[in-house]
């Protein structure tokens, strides 16, 4: 049984995706709050940290989704043989003007 076919594979993928979404938000929001409170920085620093957290969350989520798509799409393509064709293989494109 493949790892992708096991019943826990869906839970693993979902938990990884949740971690990819939550980790940047938590790091930037908690870190921004700590910096603002500890060093008495202005409030706009917290807003910048929130925006950075959201941007890293979106980037990580898209990256994770693309990796999952490539991983699961690879199995579908491997079942079928690829057919390669070139225009020069067809008689239609041969030059018969010399006859």
PDB file of N, CA and C in Angstrom:
ATOM      1  N   UNK A   1       0.838  -1.180   0.000  1.00  0.00           N
ATOM      2  CA  UNK A   1       0.000   0.000   0.000  1.00  0.00           C
ATOM      3  C   UNK A   1       0.883   1.243   0.000  1.00  0.00           C
ATOM      4  N   UNK A   2       0.637   2.132  -0.897  1.00  0.00           N
ATOM      5  CA  UNK A   2       1.410   3.355  -1.021  1.00  0.00           C
ATOM      6  C   UNK A   2       1.113   4.291   0.143  1.00  0.00           C
ATOM      7  N   UNK A   3       2.077   5.166   0.427  1.00  0.00           N
ATOM      8  CA  UNK A   3       1.863   6.149   1.489  1.00  0.00           C
ATOM      9  C   UNK A   3       0.726   7.093   1.150  1.00  0.00           C
ATOM     10  N   UNK A   4       0.548   7.366  -0.126  1.00  0.00           N
ATOM     11  CA  UNK A   4      -0.502   8.286  -0.560  1.00  0.00           C
ATOM     12  C   UNK A   4      -1.887   7.656  -0.434  1.00  0.00           C
ATOM     13  N   UNK A   5      -1.962   6.320  -0.398  1.00  0.00           N
ATOM     14  CA  UNK A   5      -3.247   5.638  -0.346  1.00  0.00           C
ATOM     15  C   UNK A   5      -3.672   5.292   1.083  1.00  0.00           C
ATOM     16  N   UNK A   6      -2.795   5.501   2.054  1.00  0.00           N
ATOM     17  CA  UNK A   6      -3.146   5.139   3.418  1.00  0.00           C
ATOM     18  C   UNK A   6      -4.197   6.099   3.956  1.00  0.00           C
ATOM     19  N   UNK A   7      -4.996   5.660   4.923  1.00  0.00           N
ATOM     20  CA  UNK A   7      -6.046   6.527   5.454  1.00  0.00           C
ATOM     21  C   UNK A   7      -5.505   7.739   6.206  1.00  0.00           C
ATOM     22  N   UNK A   8      -4.282   7.644   6.696  1.00  0.00           N
ATOM     23  CA  UNK A   8      -3.716   8.765   7.441  1.00  0.00           C
ATOM     24  C   UNK A   8      -3.027   9.782   6.544  1.00  0.00           C
ATOM     25  N   UNK A   9      -2.922   9.506   5.265  1.00  0.00           N
ATOM     26  CA  UNK A   9      -2.267  10.441   4.348  1.00  0.00           C
ATOM     27  C   UNK A   9      -3.035  11.750   4.252  1.00  0.00           C
ATOM     28  N   UNK A  10      -4.347  11.681   4.236  1.00  0.00           N
ATOM     29  CA  UNK A  10      -5.153  12.907   4.173  1.00  0.00           C
ATOM     30  C   UNK A  10      -4.978  13.740   5.438  1.00  0.00           C
ATOM     31  N   UNK A  11      -4.888  13.077   6.581  1.00  0.00           N
ATOM     32  CA  UNK A  11      -4.672  13.803   7.831  1.00  0.00           C
ATOM     33  C   UNK A  11      -3.285  14.430   7.868  1.00  0.00           C
ATOM     34  N   UNK A  12      -2.306  13.728   7.335  1.00  0.00           N
ATOM     35  CA  UNK A  12      -0.947  14.266   7.302  1.00  0.00           C
ATOM     36  C   UNK A  12      -0.869  15.500   6.416  1.00  0.00           C
ATOM     37  N   UNK A  13      -1.477  15.422   5.244  1.00  0.00           N
ATOM     38  CA  UNK A  13      -1.459  16.560   4.321  1.00  0.00           C
ATOM     39  C   UNK A  13      -2.215  17.737   4.923  1.00  0.00           C
ATOM     40  N   UNK A  14      -3.353  17.473   5.554  1.00  0.00           N
ATOM     41  CA  UNK A  14      -4.141  18.554   6.159  1.00  0.00           C
ATOM     42  C   UNK A  14      -3.387  19.197   7.311  1.00  0.00           C
ATOM     43  N   UNK A  15      -2.714  18.403   8.134  1.00  0.00           N
ATOM     44  CA  UNK A  15      -1.979  18.981   9.263  1.00  0.00           C
ATOM     45  C   UNK A  15      -0.765  19.770   8.778  1.00  0.00           C
ATOM     46  N   UNK A  16      -0.102  19.300   7.733  1.00  0.00           N
ATOM     47  CA  UNK A  16       1.016  20.058   7.168  1.00  0.00           C
ATOM     48  C   UNK A  16       0.531  21.388   6.603  1.00  0.00           C
ATOM     49  N   UNK A  17      -0.597  21.354   5.931  1.00  0.00           N
ATOM     50  CA  UNK A  17      -1.144  22.583   5.355  1.00  0.00           C
ATOM     51  C   UNK A  17      -1.548  23.569   6.458  1.00  0.00           C
ATOM     52  N   UNK A  18      -2.141  23.060   7.534  1.00  0.00           N
ATOM     53  CA  UNK A  18      -2.514  23.922   8.651  1.00  0.00           C
ATOM     54  C   UNK A  18      -1.274  24.534   9.294  1.00  0.00           C
ATOM     55  N   UNK A  19      -0.213  23.752   9.423  1.00  0.00           N
ATOM     56  CA  UNK A  19       1.030  24.280   9.996  1.00  0.00           C
ATOM     57  C   UNK A  19       1.617  25.360   9.104  1.00  0.00           C
ATOM     58  N   UNK A  20       1.588  25.141   7.789  1.00  0.00           N
ATOM     59  CA  UNK A  20       2.126  26.125   6.844  1.00  0.00           C
ATOM     60  C   UNK A  20       1.339  27.432   6.934  1.00  0.00           C
ATOM     61  N   UNK A  21       0.054  27.351   7.223  1.00  0.00           N
ATOM     62  CA  UNK A  21      -0.767  28.557   7.336  1.00  0.00           C
ATOM     63  C   UNK A  21      -0.581  29.242   8.689  1.00  0.00           C
ATOM     64  N   UNK A  22      -0.590  28.481   9.754  1.00  0.00           N
ATOM     65  CA  UNK A  22      -0.579  29.072  11.091  1.00  0.00           C
ATOM     66  C   UNK A  22       0.797  29.526  11.572  1.00  0.00           C
ATOM     67  N   UNK A  23       1.851  28.830  11.198  1.00  0.00           N
ATOM     68  CA  UNK A  23       3.183  29.145  11.717  1.00  0.00           C
ATOM     69  C   UNK A  23       3.642  30.572  11.389  1.00  0.00           C
ATOM     70  N   UNK A  24       3.578  31.026  10.142  1.00  0.00           N
ATOM     71  CA  UNK A  24       4.024  32.402   9.878  1.00  0.00           C
ATOM     72  C   UNK A  24       3.172  33.446  10.594  1.00  0.00           C
ATOM     73  N   UNK A  25       1.868  33.206  10.667  1.00  0.00           N
ATOM     74  CA  UNK A  25       1.014  34.161  11.371  1.00  0.00           C
ATOM     75  C   UNK A  25       1.396  34.265  12.837  1.00  0.00           C
ATOM     76  N   UNK A  26       1.563  33.119  13.477  1.00  0.00           N
ATOM     77  CA  UNK A  26       1.915  33.135  14.891  1.00  0.00           C
ATOM     78  C   UNK A  26       3.286  33.768  15.126  1.00  0.00           C
ATOM     79  N   UNK A  27       4.254  33.426  14.306  1.00  0.00           N
ATOM     80  CA  UNK A  27       5.601  33.973  14.494  1.00  0.00           C
ATOM     81  C   UNK A  27       5.604  35.484  14.326  1.00  0.00           C
ATOM     82  N   UNK A  28       4.984  35.978  13.277  1.00  0.00           N
ATOM     83  CA  UNK A  28       5.020  37.419  13.030  1.00  0.00           C
ATOM     84  C   UNK A  28       4.123  38.195  13.991  1.00  0.00           C
ATOM     85  N   UNK A  29       2.969  37.666  14.336  1.00  0.00           N
ATOM     86  CA  UNK A  29       2.086  38.399  15.247  1.00  0.00           C
ATOM     87  C   UNK A  29       2.654  38.402  16.659  1.00  0.00           C
ATOM     88  N   UNK A  30       3.083  37.241  17.142  1.00  0.00           N
ATOM     89  CA  UNK A  30       3.661  37.186  18.491  1.00  0.00           C
ATOM     90  C   UNK A  30       4.982  37.948  18.528  1.00  0.00           C
ATOM     91  N   UNK A  31       5.800  37.768  17.504  1.00  0.00           N
ATOM     92  CA  UNK A  31       7.067  38.500  17.445  1.00  0.00           C
ATOM     93  C   UNK A  31       6.869  39.996  17.343  1.00  0.00           C
ATOM     94  N   UNK A  32       5.910  40.419  16.540  1.00  0.00           N
ATOM     95  CA  UNK A  32       5.618  41.853  16.426  1.00  0.00           C
ATOM     96  C   UNK A  32       5.106  42.431  17.726  1.00  0.00           C
ATOM     97  N   UNK A  33       4.238  41.702  18.395  1.00  0.00           N
ATOM     98  CA  UNK A  33       3.730  42.162  19.689  1.00  0.00           C
ATOM     99  C   UNK A  33       4.870  42.275  20.708  1.00  0.00           C
ATOM    100  N   UNK A  34       5.757  41.293  20.712  1.00  0.00           N
ATOM    101  CA  UNK A  34       6.895  41.327  21.628  1.00  0.00           C
ATOM    102  C   UNK A  34       7.790  42.539  21.348  1.00  0.00           C
ATOM    103  N   UNK A  35       8.085  42.790  20.056  1.00  0.00           N
ATOM    104  CA  UNK A  35       8.937  43.925  19.708  1.00  0.00           C
ATOM    105  C   UNK A  35       8.300  45.256  20.092  1.00  0.00           C
ATOM    106  N   UNK A  36       7.014  45.382  19.851  1.00  0.00           N
ATOM    107  CA  UNK A  36       6.326  46.638  20.160  1.00  0.00           C
ATOM    108  C   UNK A  36       6.277  46.861  21.670  1.00  0.00           C
ATOM    109  N   UNK A  37       5.975  45.828  22.428  1.00  0.00           N
ATOM    110  CA  UNK A  37       5.881  45.976  23.886  1.00  0.00           C
ATOM    111  C   UNK A  37       7.259  46.114  24.533  1.00  0.00           C
ATOM    112  N   UNK A  38       8.206  45.340  24.098  1.00  0.00           N
ATOM    113  CA  UNK A  38       9.534  45.310  24.731  1.00  0.00           C
ATOM    114  C   UNK A  38      10.317  46.587  24.464  1.00  0.00           C
ATOM    115  N   UNK A  39      10.320  47.059  23.233  1.00  0.00           N
ATOM    116  CA  UNK A  39      11.144  48.192  22.849  1.00  0.00           C
ATOM    117  C   UNK A  39      10.357  49.481  22.667  1.00  0.00           C
ATOM    118  N   UNK A  40       9.071  49.455  22.924  1.00  0.00           N
ATOM    119  CA  UNK A  40       8.250  50.662  22.828  1.00  0.00           C
ATOM    120  C   UNK A  40       8.194  51.237  21.425  1.00  0.00           C
ATOM    121  N   UNK A  41       8.126  50.367  20.436  1.00  0.00           N
ATOM    122  CA  UNK A  41       8.060  50.807  19.044  1.00  0.00           C
ATOM    123  C   UNK A  41       6.658  51.321  18.720  1.00  0.00           C
ATOM    124  N   UNK A  42       6.536  52.114  17.669  1.00  0.00           N
ATOM    125  CA  UNK A  42       5.204  52.609  17.291  1.00  0.00           C
ATOM    126  C   UNK A  42       4.294  51.475  16.809  1.00  0.00           C
ATOM    127  N   UNK A  43       2.999  51.766  16.775  1.00  0.00           N
ATOM    128  CA  UNK A  43       2.005  50.751  16.418  1.00  0.00           C
ATOM    129  C   UNK A  43       2.098  50.291  14.962  1.00  0.00           C
ATOM    130  N   UNK A  44       2.641  51.117  14.087  1.00  0.00           N
ATOM    131  CA  UNK A  44       2.728  50.720  12.688  1.00  0.00           C
ATOM    132  C   UNK A  44       3.663  49.526  12.494  1.00  0.00           C
ATOM    133  N   UNK A  45       4.576  49.289  13.441  1.00  0.00           N
ATOM    134  CA  UNK A  45       5.460  48.123  13.357  1.00  0.00           C
ATOM    135  C   UNK A  45       4.633  46.845  13.471  1.00  0.00           C
ATOM    136  N   UNK A  46       3.621  46.878  14.333  1.00  0.00           N
ATOM    137  CA  UNK A  46       2.742  45.717  14.488  1.00  0.00           C
ATOM    138  C   UNK A  46       1.952  45.468  13.200  1.00  0.00           C
ATOM    139  N   UNK A  47       1.513  46.525  12.555  1.00  0.00           N
ATOM    140  CA  UNK A  47       0.775  46.395  11.294  1.00  0.00           C
ATOM    141  C   UNK A  47       1.679  45.794  10.225  1.00  0.00           C
ATOM    142  N   UNK A  48       2.932  46.238  10.161  1.00  0.00           N
ATOM    143  CA  UNK A  48       3.885  45.689   9.196  1.00  0.00           C
ATOM    144  C   UNK A  48       4.117  44.204   9.479  1.00  0.00           C
ATOM    145  N   UNK A  49       4.229  43.835  10.743  1.00  0.00           N
ATOM    146  CA  UNK A  49       4.423  42.421  11.097  1.00  0.00           C
ATOM    147  C   UNK A  49       3.219  41.577  10.702  1.00  0.00           C
ATOM    148  N   UNK A  50       2.023  42.098  10.873  1.00  0.00           N
ATOM    149  CA  UNK A  50       0.820  41.368  10.471  1.00  0.00           C
ATOM    150  C   UNK A  50       0.794  41.187   8.958  1.00  0.00           C
ATOM    151  N   UNK A  51       1.120  42.245   8.217  1.00  0.00           N
ATOM    152  CA  UNK A  51       1.136  42.162   6.754  1.00  0.00           C
ATOM    153  C   UNK A  51       2.184  41.156   6.294  1.00  0.00           C
ATOM    154  N   UNK A  52       3.371  41.178   6.913  1.00  0.00           N
ATOM    155  CA  UNK A  52       4.414  40.205   6.562  1.00  0.00           C
ATOM    156  C   UNK A  52       3.967  38.783   6.881  1.00  0.00           C
ATOM    157  N   UNK A  53       3.283  38.602   8.001  1.00  0.00           N
ATOM    158  CA  UNK A  53       2.777  37.285   8.366  1.00  0.00           C
ATOM    159  C   UNK A  53       1.783  36.758   7.345  1.00  0.00           C
ATOM    160  N   UNK A  54       0.895  37.621   6.889  1.00  0.00           N
ATOM    161  CA  UNK A  54      -0.096  37.217   5.887  1.00  0.00           C
ATOM    162  C   UNK A  54       0.583  36.896   4.557  1.00  0.00           C
ATOM    163  N   UNK A  55       1.575  37.707   4.156  1.00  0.00           N
ATOM    164  CA  UNK A  55       2.276  37.446   2.897  1.00  0.00           C
ATOM    165  C   UNK A  55       3.045  36.123   2.946  1.00  0.00           C
ATOM    166  N   UNK A  56       3.738  35.872   4.064  1.00  0.00           N
ATOM    167  CA  UNK A  56       4.458  34.602   4.191  1.00  0.00           C
ATOM    168  C   UNK A  56       3.488  33.426   4.272  1.00  0.00           C
ATOM    169  N   UNK A  57       2.328  33.639   4.887  1.00  0.00           N
ATOM    170  CA  UNK A  57       1.323  32.576   4.960  1.00  0.00           C
ATOM    171  C   UNK A  57       0.817  32.230   3.559  1.00  0.00           C
ATOM    172  N   UNK A  58       0.503  33.228   2.761  1.00  0.00           N
ATOM    173  CA  UNK A  58       0.004  32.992   1.407  1.00  0.00           C
ATOM    174  C   UNK A  58       1.086  32.328   0.552  1.00  0.00           C
ATOM    175  N   UNK A  59       2.318  32.813   0.651  1.00  0.00           N
ATOM    176  CA  UNK A  59       3.410  32.218  -0.114  1.00  0.00           C
ATOM    177  C   UNK A  59       3.654  30.771   0.272  1.00  0.00           C
ATOM    178  N   UNK A  60       3.643  30.479   1.556  1.00  0.00           N
ATOM    179  CA  UNK A  60       3.843  29.107   2.010  1.00  0.00           C
ATOM    180  C   UNK A  60       2.704  28.191   1.603  1.00  0.00           C
ATOM    181  N   UNK A  61       1.477  28.697   1.672  1.00  0.00           N
ATOM    182  CA  UNK A  61       0.318  27.886   1.299  1.00  0.00           C
ATOM    183  C   UNK A  61       0.337  27.567  -0.194  1.00  0.00           C
ATOM    184  N   UNK A  62       0.655  28.549  -1.016  1.00  0.00           N
ATOM    185  CA  UNK A  62       0.717  28.317  -2.463  1.00  0.00           C
ATOM    186  C   UNK A  62       1.845  27.338  -2.792  1.00  0.00           C
ATOM    187  N   UNK A  63       3.000  27.520  -2.143  1.00  0.00           N
ATOM    188  CA  UNK A  63       4.123  26.617  -2.370  1.00  0.00           C
ATOM    189  C   UNK A  63       3.766  25.188  -1.964  1.00  0.00           C
ATOM    190  N   UNK A  64       3.120  25.030  -0.832  1.00  0.00           N
ATOM    191  CA  UNK A  64       2.732  23.698  -0.363  1.00  0.00           C
ATOM    192  C   UNK A  64       1.707  23.060  -1.306  1.00  0.00           C
ATOM    193  N   UNK A  65       0.745  23.837  -1.755  1.00  0.00           N
ATOM    194  CA  UNK A  65      -0.250  23.311  -2.695  1.00  0.00           C
ATOM    195  C   UNK A  65       0.388  22.883  -4.011  1.00  0.00           C
ATOM    196  N   UNK A  66       1.337  23.669  -4.507  1.00  0.00           N
ATOM    197  CA  UNK A  66       1.999  23.316  -5.761  1.00  0.00           C
ATOM    198  C   UNK A  66       2.806  22.026  -5.600  1.00  0.00           C
ATOM    199  N   UNK A  67       3.457  21.851  -4.455  1.00  0.00           N
ATOM    200  CA  UNK A  67       4.194  20.609  -4.216  1.00  0.00           C
ATOM    201  C   UNK A  67       3.246  19.421  -4.152  1.00  0.00           C
ATOM    202  N   UNK A  68       2.104  19.589  -3.518  1.00  0.00           N
ATOM    203  CA  UNK A  68       1.138  18.494  -3.432  1.00  0.00           C
ATOM    204  C   UNK A  68       0.557  18.170  -4.810  1.00  0.00           C
ATOM    205  N   UNK A  69       0.302  19.186  -5.613  1.00  0.00           N
ATOM    206  CA  UNK A  69      -0.227  18.958  -6.951  1.00  0.00           C
ATOM    207  C   UNK A  69       0.791  18.195  -7.785  1.00  0.00           C
ATOM    208  N   UNK A  70       2.070  18.605  -7.718  1.00  0.00           N
ATOM    209  CA  UNK A  70       3.104  17.899  -8.469  1.00  0.00           C
ATOM    210  C   UNK A  70       3.270  16.471  -7.970  1.00  0.00           C
ATOM    211  N   UNK A  71       3.172  16.257  -6.673  1.00  0.00           N
ATOM    212  CA  UNK A  71       3.356  14.921  -6.111  1.00  0.00           C
ATOM    213  C   UNK A  71       2.241  13.981  -6.533  1.00  0.00           C
ATOM    214  N   UNK A  72       1.003  14.439  -6.433  1.00  0.00           N
ATOM    215  CA  UNK A  72      -0.122  13.571  -6.766  1.00  0.00           C
ATOM    216  C   UNK A  72      -0.381  13.499  -8.260  1.00  0.00           C
ATOM    217  N   UNK A  73      -0.007  14.511  -9.015  1.00  0.00           N
ATOM    218  CA  UNK A  73      -0.201  14.486 -10.463  1.00  0.00           C
ATOM    219  C   UNK A  73       0.811  13.578 -11.137  1.00  0.00           C
ATOM    220  N   UNK A  74       1.955  13.372 -10.503  1.00  0.00           N
ATOM    221  CA  UNK A  74       2.984  12.523 -11.088  1.00  0.00           C
ATOM    222  C   UNK A  74       2.486  11.090 -11.250  1.00  0.00           C
ATOM    223  N   UNK A  75       1.701  10.588 -10.317  1.00  0.00           N
ATOM    224  CA  UNK A  75       1.180   9.230 -10.404  1.00  0.00           C
ATOM    225  C   UNK A  75       0.216   9.069 -11.568  1.00  0.00           C
ATOM    226  N   UNK A  76      -0.608  10.063 -11.823  1.00  0.00           N
ATOM    227  CA  UNK A  76      -1.578   9.968 -12.904  1.00  0.00           C
ATOM    228  C   UNK A  76      -0.896   9.909 -14.265  1.00  0.00           C
ATOM    229  N   UNK A  77       0.175  10.639 -14.435  1.00  0.00           N
ATOM    230  CA  UNK A  77       0.846  10.686 -15.726  1.00  0.00           C
ATOM    231  C   UNK A  77       1.686   9.448 -15.985  1.00  0.00           C
ATOM    232  N   UNK A  78       2.129   8.792 -14.937  1.00  0.00           N
ATOM    233  CA  UNK A  78       3.020   7.652 -15.133  1.00  0.00           C
ATOM    234  C   UNK A  78       2.273   6.420 -15.656  1.00  0.00           C
ATOM    235  N   UNK A  79       0.961   6.398 -15.610  1.00  0.00           N
ATOM    236  CA  UNK A  79       0.192   5.255 -16.072  1.00  0.00           C
ATOM    237  C   UNK A  79       0.135   5.173 -17.597  1.00  0.00           C
ATOM    238  N   UNK A  80       0.284   6.320 -18.240  1.00  0.00           N
ATOM    239  CA  UNK A  80       0.126   6.366 -19.681  1.00  0.00           C
ATOM    240  C   UNK A  80       1.465   6.672 -20.340  1.00  0.00           C
ATOM    241  N   UNK A  81       1.679   6.028 -21.484  1.00  0.00           N
ATOM    242  CA  UNK A  81       2.893   6.302 -22.233  1.00  0.00           C
ATOM    243  C   UNK A  81       2.716   7.602 -22.986  1.00  0.00           C
ATOM    244  N   UNK A  82       3.772   8.341 -23.067  1.00  0.00           N
ATOM    245  CA  UNK A  82       3.733   9.581 -23.817  1.00  0.00           C
ATOM    246  C   UNK A  82       3.955   9.315 -25.291  1.00  0.00           C
ATOM    247  N   UNK A  83       3.252  10.022 -26.097  1.00  0.00           N
ATOM    248  CA  UNK A  83       3.388   9.883 -27.536  1.00  0.00           C
ATOM    249  C   UNK A  83       4.057  11.143 -28.060  1.00  0.00           C
ATOM    250  N   UNK A  84       5.200  10.954 -28.665  1.00  0.00           N
ATOM    251  CA  UNK A  84       5.923  12.083 -29.227  1.00  0.00           C
ATOM    252  C   UNK A  84       5.739  12.092 -30.735  1.00  0.00           C
ATOM    253  N   UNK A  85       5.468  13.241 -31.255  1.00  0.00           N
ATOM    254  CA  UNK A  85       5.272  13.383 -32.684  1.00  0.00           C
ATOM    255  C   UNK A  85       6.016  14.616 -33.154  1.00  0.00           C
ATOM    256  N   UNK A  86       6.531  14.504 -34.337  1.00  0.00           N
ATOM    257  CA  UNK A  86       7.246  15.621 -34.934  1.00  0.00           C
ATOM    258  C   UNK A  86       6.636  15.873 -36.307  1.00  0.00           C
ATOM    259  N   UNK A  87       6.587  17.107 -36.713  1.00  0.00           N
ATOM    260  CA  UNK A  87       5.994  17.427 -38.015  1.00  0.00           C
ATOM    261  C   UNK A  87       6.754  16.762 -39.159  1.00  0.00           C
ATOM    262  N   UNK A  88       8.042  16.559 -38.986  1.00  0.00           N
ATOM    263  CA  UNK A  88       8.826  15.956 -40.062  1.00  0.00           C
ATOM    264  C   UNK A  88       8.534  14.467 -40.220  1.00  0.00           C
ATOM    265  N   UNK A  89       7.821  13.861 -39.294  1.00  0.00           N
ATOM    266  CA  UNK A  89       7.466  12.448 -39.389  1.00  0.00           C
ATOM    267  C   UNK A  89       6.335  12.195 -40.385  1.00  0.00           C
ATOM    268  N   UNK A  90       5.573  13.190 -40.722  1.00  0.00           N
ATOM    269  CA  UNK A  90       4.409  13.021 -41.592  1.00  0.00           C
ATOM    270  C   UNK A  90       4.786  13.254 -43.058  1.00  0.00           C
ATOM    271  N   UNK A  91       4.185  12.483 -43.923  1.00  0.00           N
ATOM    272  CA  UNK A  91       4.439  12.650 -45.360  1.00  0.00           C
ATOM    273  C   UNK A  91       3.878  13.959 -45.886  1.00  0.00           C
ATOM    274  N   UNK A  92       2.912  14.490 -45.197  1.00  0.00           N
ATOM    275  CA  UNK A  92       2.278  15.719 -45.651  1.00  0.00           C
ATOM    276  C   UNK A  92       3.294  16.853 -45.724  1.00  0.00           C
ATOM    277  N   UNK A  93       4.273  16.848 -44.843  1.00  0.00           N
ATOM    278  CA  UNK A  93       5.222  17.942 -44.777  1.00  0.00           C
ATOM    279  C   UNK A  93       6.487  17.664 -45.599  1.00  0.00           C
ATOM    280  N   UNK A  94       6.526  16.526 -46.241  1.00  0.00           N
ATOM    281  CA  UNK A  94       7.698  16.244 -47.066  1.00  0.00           C
ATOM    282  C   UNK A  94       7.654  17.093 -48.334  1.00  0.00           C
ATOM    283  N   UNK A  95       8.821  17.407 -48.813  1.00  0.00           N
ATOM    284  CA  UNK A  95       8.931  18.231 -50.008  1.00  0.00           C
ATOM    285  C   UNK A  95       8.938  17.318 -51.237  1.00  0.00           C
ATOM    286  N   UNK A  96       7.854  17.309 -52.000  1.00  0.00           N
ATOM    287  CA  UNK A  96       7.738  16.483 -53.190  1.00  0.00           C
ATOM    288  C   UNK A  96       7.856  17.323 -54.464  1.00  0.00           C
ATOM    289  N   UNK A  97       8.386  18.508 -54.366  1.00  0.00           N
ATOM    290  CA  UNK A  97       8.443  19.392 -55.524  1.00  0.00           C
ATOM    291  C   UNK A  97       9.501  18.942 -56.522  1.00  0.00           C
ATOM    292  N   UNK A  98      10.446  18.131 -56.121  1.00  0.00           N
ATOM    293  CA  UNK A  98      11.506  17.697 -57.018  1.00  0.00           C
ATOM    294  C   UNK A  98      11.080  16.561 -57.945  1.00  0.00           C
ATOM    295  N   UNK A  99       9.899  16.033 -57.825  1.00  0.00           N
ATOM    296  CA  UNK A  99       9.441  14.917 -58.650  1.00  0.00           C
ATOM    297  C   UNK A  99       8.832  15.352 -59.939  1.00  0.00           C
TER     298      UNK A  99
END
